């Protein structure tokens, strides 16, 4: 398995609330810290975030709940309304692009510079959307490529590294019901309008940006660190 596949598998385990792993105090050398806004936050003791002013953001990886498409299609008698593999890939692409856009916009608004190259003042962010369970509804007849992804649930993950050394500095996992946010995602072709993007993912984006600002103020990170 690749590093991304291993990380996805580990994050899916943490995203399942019933997992005993989620109760562990450490993960790959990171220590779990208390957070008022996110379920699972793991940080490297002694990490100093004050030097970072820029971020590079990987395209978010998107993983649906196992057998999601099959379950969505169960009971649907009209083949033209069934979710195909190309539909799955299209929705994944829209979710990934929309989340990346939200992160890039929010980090820029907060004064961070979003860059493509590593550097001594650059954090490398790898975001994930995991265990996505949505209810896609077609908004036009036939084999159209316009959908409304109605409320469901999902888990989010974020891995933070020093871009120069690849040193792992932190991981975050959080799981939410989208009904709590009332968000929808409109997908039309390959374009996702940020204004239509799910409120849940926008909220996660803002929490990540605010969380890193908090960590800069709390650096260097102690063993008993607490994140807001």
C-alpha atoms as a PDB file:
ATOM      1  CA  UNK A   1       0.000   0.000   0.000  1.00  0.00           C
ATOM      2  CA  UNK A   2       1.152   3.556  -0.706  1.00  0.00           C
ATOM      3  CA  UNK A   3       1.568   6.115   2.082  1.00  0.00           C
ATOM      4  CA  UNK A   4      -1.710   7.761   1.045  1.00  0.00           C
ATOM      5  CA  UNK A   5      -3.537   4.415   1.100  1.00  0.00           C
ATOM      6  CA  UNK A   6      -2.135   3.582   4.534  1.00  0.00           C
ATOM      7  CA  UNK A   7      -3.105   6.975   5.870  1.00  0.00           C
ATOM      8  CA  UNK A   8      -6.592   6.688   4.416  1.00  0.00           C
ATOM      9  CA  UNK A   9      -7.000   3.291   6.067  1.00  0.00           C
ATOM     10  CA  UNK A  10      -5.826   4.653   9.416  1.00  0.00           C
ATOM     11  CA  UNK A  11      -8.047   7.719   9.183  1.00  0.00           C
ATOM     12  CA  UNK A  12     -11.044   5.559   8.310  1.00  0.00           C
ATOM     13  CA  UNK A  13     -10.375   3.544  11.438  1.00  0.00           C
ATOM     14  CA  UNK A  14     -10.267   6.716  13.517  1.00  0.00           C
ATOM     15  CA  UNK A  15     -13.327   8.068  11.726  1.00  0.00           C
ATOM     16  CA  UNK A  16     -15.316   5.052  12.920  1.00  0.00           C
ATOM     17  CA  UNK A  17     -16.245   6.193  16.378  1.00  0.00           C
ATOM     18  CA  UNK A  18     -16.501   2.637  17.681  1.00  0.00           C
ATOM     19  CA  UNK A  19     -12.817   1.969  16.988  1.00  0.00           C
ATOM     20  CA  UNK A  20     -10.647   1.349  20.036  1.00  0.00           C
ATOM     21  CA  UNK A  21      -7.774   3.053  18.167  1.00  0.00           C
ATOM     22  CA  UNK A  22      -9.606   6.354  18.494  1.00  0.00           C
ATOM     23  CA  UNK A  23      -9.090   6.240  22.254  1.00  0.00           C
ATOM     24  CA  UNK A  24      -5.313   5.917  22.051  1.00  0.00           C
ATOM     25  CA  UNK A  25      -3.190   8.775  23.359  1.00  0.00           C
ATOM     26  CA  UNK A  26      -0.553   8.572  20.607  1.00  0.00           C
ATOM     27  CA  UNK A  27      -0.361   7.948  16.867  1.00  0.00           C
ATOM     28  CA  UNK A  28       2.891   7.744  14.882  1.00  0.00           C
ATOM     29  CA  UNK A  29       4.751   9.722  17.515  1.00  0.00           C
ATOM     30  CA  UNK A  30       2.010  12.335  17.852  1.00  0.00           C
ATOM     31  CA  UNK A  31       0.226  12.935  21.132  1.00  0.00           C
ATOM     32  CA  UNK A  32      -3.522  13.379  21.363  1.00  0.00           C
ATOM     33  CA  UNK A  33      -4.553  16.796  22.689  1.00  0.00           C
ATOM     34  CA  UNK A  34      -7.918  18.063  23.862  1.00  0.00           C
ATOM     35  CA  UNK A  35      -9.936  20.063  21.338  1.00  0.00           C
ATOM     36  CA  UNK A  36     -13.240  21.861  21.797  1.00  0.00           C
ATOM     37  CA  UNK A  37     -14.093  21.859  18.091  1.00  0.00           C
ATOM     38  CA  UNK A  38     -12.634  18.664  16.604  1.00  0.00           C
ATOM     39  CA  UNK A  39     -12.959  15.071  17.757  1.00  0.00           C
ATOM     40  CA  UNK A  40      -9.399  13.831  17.330  1.00  0.00           C
ATOM     41  CA  UNK A  41      -6.349  16.095  17.282  1.00  0.00           C
ATOM     42  CA  UNK A  42      -2.807  14.672  17.399  1.00  0.00           C
ATOM     43  CA  UNK A  43       0.262  16.924  17.572  1.00  0.00           C
ATOM     44  CA  UNK A  44       4.017  16.450  17.712  1.00  0.00           C
ATOM     45  CA  UNK A  45       5.270  17.466  21.167  1.00  0.00           C
ATOM     46  CA  UNK A  46       7.660  20.373  20.847  1.00  0.00           C
ATOM     47  CA  UNK A  47       6.486  21.359  17.367  1.00  0.00           C
ATOM     48  CA  UNK A  48       6.827  25.080  16.704  1.00  0.00           C
ATOM     49  CA  UNK A  49       4.358  26.555  14.210  1.00  0.00           C
ATOM     50  CA  UNK A  50       5.504  30.170  14.573  1.00  0.00           C
ATOM     51  CA  UNK A  51       7.893  30.005  11.604  1.00  0.00           C
ATOM     52  CA  UNK A  52       5.201  29.093   9.082  1.00  0.00           C
ATOM     53  CA  UNK A  53       3.570  31.763   6.917  1.00  0.00           C
ATOM     54  CA  UNK A  54       2.714  29.757   3.797  1.00  0.00           C
ATOM     55  CA  UNK A  55       0.891  26.536   2.965  1.00  0.00           C
ATOM     56  CA  UNK A  56       0.874  24.093   0.102  1.00  0.00           C
ATOM     57  CA  UNK A  57      -2.362  22.120  -0.185  1.00  0.00           C
ATOM     58  CA  UNK A  58      -2.650  18.676  -1.762  1.00  0.00           C
ATOM     59  CA  UNK A  59      -5.825  17.939  -3.738  1.00  0.00           C
ATOM     60  CA  UNK A  60      -8.164  16.461  -1.089  1.00  0.00           C
ATOM     61  CA  UNK A  61      -8.583  12.689  -1.285  1.00  0.00           C
ATOM     62  CA  UNK A  62     -12.250  11.590  -1.270  1.00  0.00           C
ATOM     63  CA  UNK A  63     -13.457   8.151  -0.166  1.00  0.00           C
ATOM     64  CA  UNK A  64     -17.118   7.154  -0.090  1.00  0.00           C
ATOM     65  CA  UNK A  65     -18.599   4.790   2.448  1.00  0.00           C
ATOM     66  CA  UNK A  66     -18.074   1.165   1.440  1.00  0.00           C
ATOM     67  CA  UNK A  67     -20.824  -0.015  -0.966  1.00  0.00           C
ATOM     68  CA  UNK A  68     -22.241   3.516  -1.090  1.00  0.00           C
ATOM     69  CA  UNK A  69     -23.097   3.461  -4.816  1.00  0.00           C
ATOM     70  CA  UNK A  70     -24.673   0.010  -4.595  1.00  0.00           C
ATOM     71  CA  UNK A  71     -26.839   1.104  -1.674  1.00  0.00           C
ATOM     72  CA  UNK A  72     -27.892   4.303  -3.446  1.00  0.00           C
ATOM     73  CA  UNK A  73     -28.955   2.286  -6.519  1.00  0.00           C
ATOM     74  CA  UNK A  74     -30.801  -0.378  -4.549  1.00  0.00           C
ATOM     75  CA  UNK A  75     -34.478  -0.210  -5.380  1.00  0.00           C
ATOM     76  CA  UNK A  76     -33.991   2.159  -8.337  1.00  0.00           C
ATOM     77  CA  UNK A  77     -35.737   0.608 -11.361  1.00  0.00           C
ATOM     78  CA  UNK A  78     -34.874   3.304 -13.892  1.00  0.00           C
ATOM     79  CA  UNK A  79     -31.344   2.606 -15.210  1.00  0.00           C
ATOM     80  CA  UNK A  80     -31.000   6.207 -16.369  1.00  0.00           C
ATOM     81  CA  UNK A  81     -31.234   7.390 -12.773  1.00  0.00           C
ATOM     82  CA  UNK A  82     -28.706   4.973 -11.303  1.00  0.00           C
ATOM     83  CA  UNK A  83     -25.330   6.168 -10.091  1.00  0.00           C
ATOM     84  CA  UNK A  84     -22.527   4.887 -12.321  1.00  0.00           C
ATOM     85  CA  UNK A  85     -18.795   4.731 -11.686  1.00  0.00           C
ATOM     86  CA  UNK A  86     -18.347   7.843 -13.813  1.00  0.00           C
ATOM     87  CA  UNK A  87     -20.919   9.598 -11.620  1.00  0.00           C
ATOM     88  CA  UNK A  88     -18.976   8.568  -8.521  1.00  0.00           C
ATOM     89  CA  UNK A  89     -15.754   9.929  -9.996  1.00  0.00           C
ATOM     90  CA  UNK A  90     -17.487  13.156 -11.012  1.00  0.00           C
ATOM     91  CA  UNK A  91     -18.870  13.703  -7.506  1.00  0.00           C
ATOM     92  CA  UNK A  92     -15.492  12.860  -5.963  1.00  0.00           C
ATOM     93  CA  UNK A  93     -13.814  15.380  -8.252  1.00  0.00           C
ATOM     94  CA  UNK A  94     -16.351  18.064  -7.382  1.00  0.00           C
ATOM     95  CA  UNK A  95     -16.001  17.428  -3.649  1.00  0.00           C
ATOM     96  CA  UNK A  96     -12.207  17.500  -3.891  1.00  0.00           C
ATOM     97  CA  UNK A  97     -12.073  20.665  -5.980  1.00  0.00           C
ATOM     98  CA  UNK A  98     -14.652  22.428  -3.834  1.00  0.00           C
ATOM     99  CA  UNK A  99     -12.892  21.588  -0.573  1.00  0.00           C
ATOM    100  CA  UNK A 100      -9.516  22.621  -1.973  1.00  0.00           C
ATOM    101  CA  UNK A 101     -10.997  25.911  -3.144  1.00  0.00           C
ATOM    102  CA  UNK A 102     -12.547  26.533   0.275  1.00  0.00           C
ATOM    103  CA  UNK A 103      -9.236  25.853   2.028  1.00  0.00           C
ATOM    104  CA  UNK A 104      -7.248  28.014  -0.376  1.00  0.00           C
ATOM    105  CA  UNK A 105      -9.707  30.908  -0.052  1.00  0.00           C
ATOM    106  CA  UNK A 106      -9.901  30.748   3.742  1.00  0.00           C
ATOM    107  CA  UNK A 107      -6.130  30.477   4.238  1.00  0.00           C
ATOM    108  CA  UNK A 108      -5.590  33.435   1.902  1.00  0.00           C
ATOM    109  CA  UNK A 109      -8.179  35.532   3.762  1.00  0.00           C
ATOM    110  CA  UNK A 110      -6.408  34.694   7.034  1.00  0.00           C
ATOM    111  CA  UNK A 111      -3.104  36.072   5.718  1.00  0.00           C
ATOM    112  CA  UNK A 112      -1.421  32.830   4.682  1.00  0.00           C
ATOM    113  CA  UNK A 113       0.211  32.604   1.262  1.00  0.00           C
ATOM    114  CA  UNK A 114      -0.868  29.523  -0.712  1.00  0.00           C
ATOM    115  CA  UNK A 115       2.123  28.266  -2.715  1.00  0.00           C
ATOM    116  CA  UNK A 116       3.162  25.250  -4.786  1.00  0.00           C
ATOM    117  CA  UNK A 117       6.797  24.803  -3.730  1.00  0.00           C
ATOM    118  CA  UNK A 118       8.225  23.685  -0.351  1.00  0.00           C
ATOM    119  CA  UNK A 119      10.262  26.004   1.833  1.00  0.00           C
ATOM    120  CA  UNK A 120      11.385  26.594   5.433  1.00  0.00           C
ATOM    121  CA  UNK A 121       8.254  28.646   6.186  1.00  0.00           C
ATOM    122  CA  UNK A 122       5.805  26.383   4.312  1.00  0.00           C
ATOM    123  CA  UNK A 123       3.412  23.860   5.841  1.00  0.00           C
ATOM    124  CA  UNK A 124       2.399  20.900   3.659  1.00  0.00           C
ATOM    125  CA  UNK A 125      -1.307  20.129   4.138  1.00  0.00           C
ATOM    126  CA  UNK A 126      -2.942  16.868   3.017  1.00  0.00           C
ATOM    127  CA  UNK A 127      -6.740  16.990   3.488  1.00  0.00           C
ATOM    128  CA  UNK A 128      -9.130  14.028   3.236  1.00  0.00           C
ATOM    129  CA  UNK A 129     -12.866  13.483   3.018  1.00  0.00           C
ATOM    130  CA  UNK A 130     -13.621  10.018   4.356  1.00  0.00           C
ATOM    131  CA  UNK A 131     -16.559   7.655   4.696  1.00  0.00           C
ATOM    132  CA  UNK A 132     -18.721  10.071   2.679  1.00  0.00           C
ATOM    133  CA  UNK A 133     -22.386   9.050   2.794  1.00  0.00           C
ATOM    134  CA  UNK A 134     -24.540  11.379   0.700  1.00  0.00           C
ATOM    135  CA  UNK A 135     -27.871  11.168  -1.105  1.00  0.00           C
ATOM    136  CA  UNK A 136     -27.358  12.399  -4.685  1.00  0.00           C
ATOM    137  CA  UNK A 137     -30.511  13.599  -6.433  1.00  0.00           C
ATOM    138  CA  UNK A 138     -30.655  14.381 -10.147  1.00  0.00           C
ATOM    139  CA  UNK A 139     -31.987  17.829 -10.923  1.00  0.00           C
ATOM    140  CA  UNK A 140     -32.863  17.116 -14.558  1.00  0.00           C
ATOM    141  CA  UNK A 141     -34.181  14.186 -16.537  1.00  0.00           C
ATOM    142  CA  UNK A 142     -32.102  11.563 -18.270  1.00  0.00           C
ATOM    143  CA  UNK A 143     -28.338  11.154 -18.257  1.00  0.00           C
ATOM    144  CA  UNK A 144     -27.580  14.703 -17.156  1.00  0.00           C
ATOM    145  CA  UNK A 145     -24.491  15.515 -15.147  1.00  0.00           C
ATOM    146  CA  UNK A 146     -26.168  17.880 -12.686  1.00  0.00           C
ATOM    147  CA  UNK A 147     -26.742  16.671  -9.110  1.00  0.00           C
ATOM    148  CA  UNK A 148     -27.694  17.962  -5.730  1.00  0.00           C
ATOM    149  CA  UNK A 149     -25.788  16.080  -3.039  1.00  0.00           C
ATOM    150  CA  UNK A 150     -28.245  16.207  -0.166  1.00  0.00           C
ATOM    151  CA  UNK A 151     -27.298  16.021   3.524  1.00  0.00           C
ATOM    152  CA  UNK A 152     -25.617  12.869   4.758  1.00  0.00           C
ATOM    153  CA  UNK A 153     -22.477  12.387   6.816  1.00  0.00           C
ATOM    154  CA  UNK A 154     -18.721  12.345   6.377  1.00  0.00           C
ATOM    155  CA  UNK A 155     -15.419  12.378   8.213  1.00  0.00           C
ATOM    156  CA  UNK A 156     -12.626  14.817   7.508  1.00  0.00           C
ATOM    157  CA  UNK A 157      -8.910  14.315   7.988  1.00  0.00           C
ATOM    158  CA  UNK A 158      -5.945  16.667   7.761  1.00  0.00           C
ATOM    159  CA  UNK A 159      -2.266  15.771   7.876  1.00  0.00           C
ATOM    160  CA  UNK A 160       0.216  18.604   8.520  1.00  0.00           C
ATOM    161  CA  UNK A 161       3.938  18.307   7.708  1.00  0.00           C
ATOM    162  CA  UNK A 162       6.961  20.535   7.416  1.00  0.00           C
ATOM    163  CA  UNK A 163       7.340  20.912   3.649  1.00  0.00           C
ATOM    164  CA  UNK A 164      11.153  20.878   3.667  1.00  0.00           C
ATOM    165  CA  UNK A 165      11.804  17.890   5.933  1.00  0.00           C
ATOM    166  CA  UNK A 166       8.462  16.040   5.576  1.00  0.00           C
ATOM    167  CA  UNK A 167       8.360  15.897   9.393  1.00  0.00           C
ATOM    168  CA  UNK A 168       4.873  14.953  10.554  1.00  0.00           C
ATOM    169  CA  UNK A 169       3.588  17.731  12.841  1.00  0.00           C
ATOM    170  CA  UNK A 170      -0.070  16.867  13.301  1.00  0.00           C
ATOM    171  CA  UNK A 171      -3.169  14.966  12.242  1.00  0.00           C
ATOM    172  CA  UNK A 172      -6.841  15.779  12.718  1.00  0.00           C
ATOM    173  CA  UNK A 173      -9.960  13.630  12.297  1.00  0.00           C
ATOM    174  CA  UNK A 174     -13.523  14.852  12.749  1.00  0.00           C
ATOM    175  CA  UNK A 175     -16.897  13.352  11.853  1.00  0.00           C
ATOM    176  CA  UNK A 176     -20.126  15.270  11.351  1.00  0.00           C
ATOM    177  CA  UNK A 177     -23.689  14.879  10.132  1.00  0.00           C
ATOM    178  CA  UNK A 178     -24.251  17.330   7.301  1.00  0.00           C
ATOM    179  CA  UNK A 179     -27.795  17.889   8.553  1.00  0.00           C
ATOM    180  CA  UNK A 180     -26.199  19.913  11.352  1.00  0.00           C
ATOM    181  CA  UNK A 181     -25.054  22.469   8.797  1.00  0.00           C
ATOM    182  CA  UNK A 182     -27.897  22.377   6.286  1.00  0.00           C
ATOM    183  CA  UNK A 183     -25.425  22.295   3.426  1.00  0.00           C
ATOM    184  CA  UNK A 184     -25.808  21.075  -0.153  1.00  0.00           C
ATOM    185  CA  UNK A 185     -23.378  20.692  -3.008  1.00  0.00           C
ATOM    186  CA  UNK A 186     -24.498  21.556  -6.513  1.00  0.00           C
ATOM    187  CA  UNK A 187     -22.513  19.711  -9.179  1.00  0.00           C
ATOM    188  CA  UNK A 188     -22.828  20.725 -12.817  1.00  0.00           C
ATOM    189  CA  UNK A 189     -20.302  19.354 -15.279  1.00  0.00           C
ATOM    190  CA  UNK A 190     -16.756  19.883 -13.994  1.00  0.00           C
ATOM    191  CA  UNK A 191     -17.538  23.182 -12.281  1.00  0.00           C
ATOM    192  CA  UNK A 192     -18.413  23.547  -8.613  1.00  0.00           C
ATOM    193  CA  UNK A 193     -19.569  26.972  -7.487  1.00  0.00           C
ATOM    194  CA  UNK A 194     -18.030  27.767  -4.116  1.00  0.00           C
ATOM    195  CA  UNK A 195     -21.165  29.690  -3.139  1.00  0.00           C
ATOM    196  CA  UNK A 196     -23.106  26.433  -3.466  1.00  0.00           C
ATOM    197  CA  UNK A 197     -20.555  24.324  -1.623  1.00  0.00           C
ATOM    198  CA  UNK A 198     -21.679  22.442   1.470  1.00  0.00           C
ATOM    199  CA  UNK A 199     -21.656  24.493   4.660  1.00  0.00           C
ATOM    200  CA  UNK A 200     -20.102  21.588   6.531  1.00  0.00           C
ATOM    201  CA  UNK A 201     -16.923  21.628   4.433  1.00  0.00           C
ATOM    202  CA  UNK A 202     -16.708  25.407   4.644  1.00  0.00           C
ATOM    203  CA  UNK A 203     -16.990  25.118   8.426  1.00  0.00           C
ATOM    204  CA  UNK A 204     -14.206  22.516   8.531  1.00  0.00           C
ATOM    205  CA  UNK A 205     -12.031  24.760   6.380  1.00  0.00           C
ATOM    206  CA  UNK A 206     -12.472  27.685   8.758  1.00  0.00           C
ATOM    207  CA  UNK A 207     -11.774  25.489  11.793  1.00  0.00           C
ATOM    208  CA  UNK A 208      -8.496  24.295  10.238  1.00  0.00           C
ATOM    209  CA  UNK A 209      -7.386  27.864   9.503  1.00  0.00           C
ATOM    210  CA  UNK A 210      -8.329  29.077  12.976  1.00  0.00           C
ATOM    211  CA  UNK A 211      -6.734  26.001  14.551  1.00  0.00           C
ATOM    212  CA  UNK A 212      -3.370  26.687  12.940  1.00  0.00           C
ATOM    213  CA  UNK A 213      -3.528  30.289  14.145  1.00  0.00           C
ATOM    214  CA  UNK A 214      -4.156  28.968  17.657  1.00  0.00           C
ATOM    215  CA  UNK A 215      -1.217  26.571  17.364  1.00  0.00           C
ATOM    216  CA  UNK A 216       1.101  29.407  16.303  1.00  0.00           C
ATOM    217  CA  UNK A 217       0.115  31.265  19.444  1.00  0.00           C
ATOM    218  CA  UNK A 218       0.589  28.156  21.618  1.00  0.00           C
ATOM    219  CA  UNK A 219       3.965  27.113  20.161  1.00  0.00           C
ATOM    220  CA  UNK A 220       6.105  25.300  21.010  1.00  0.00           C
ATOM    221  CA  UNK A 221       3.570  22.538  21.612  1.00  0.00           C
ATOM    222  CA  UNK A 222       3.735  20.985  25.074  1.00  0.00           C
ATOM    223  CA  UNK A 223       2.658  17.456  26.043  1.00  0.00           C
ATOM    224  CA  UNK A 224      -0.438  18.874  27.752  1.00  0.00           C
ATOM    225  CA  UNK A 225      -1.409  21.226  24.912  1.00  0.00           C
ATOM    226  CA  UNK A 226      -5.067  22.066  24.409  1.00  0.00           C
ATOM    227  CA  UNK A 227      -6.512  23.310  21.143  1.00  0.00           C
ATOM    228  CA  UNK A 228      -9.585  25.467  20.808  1.00  0.00           C
END
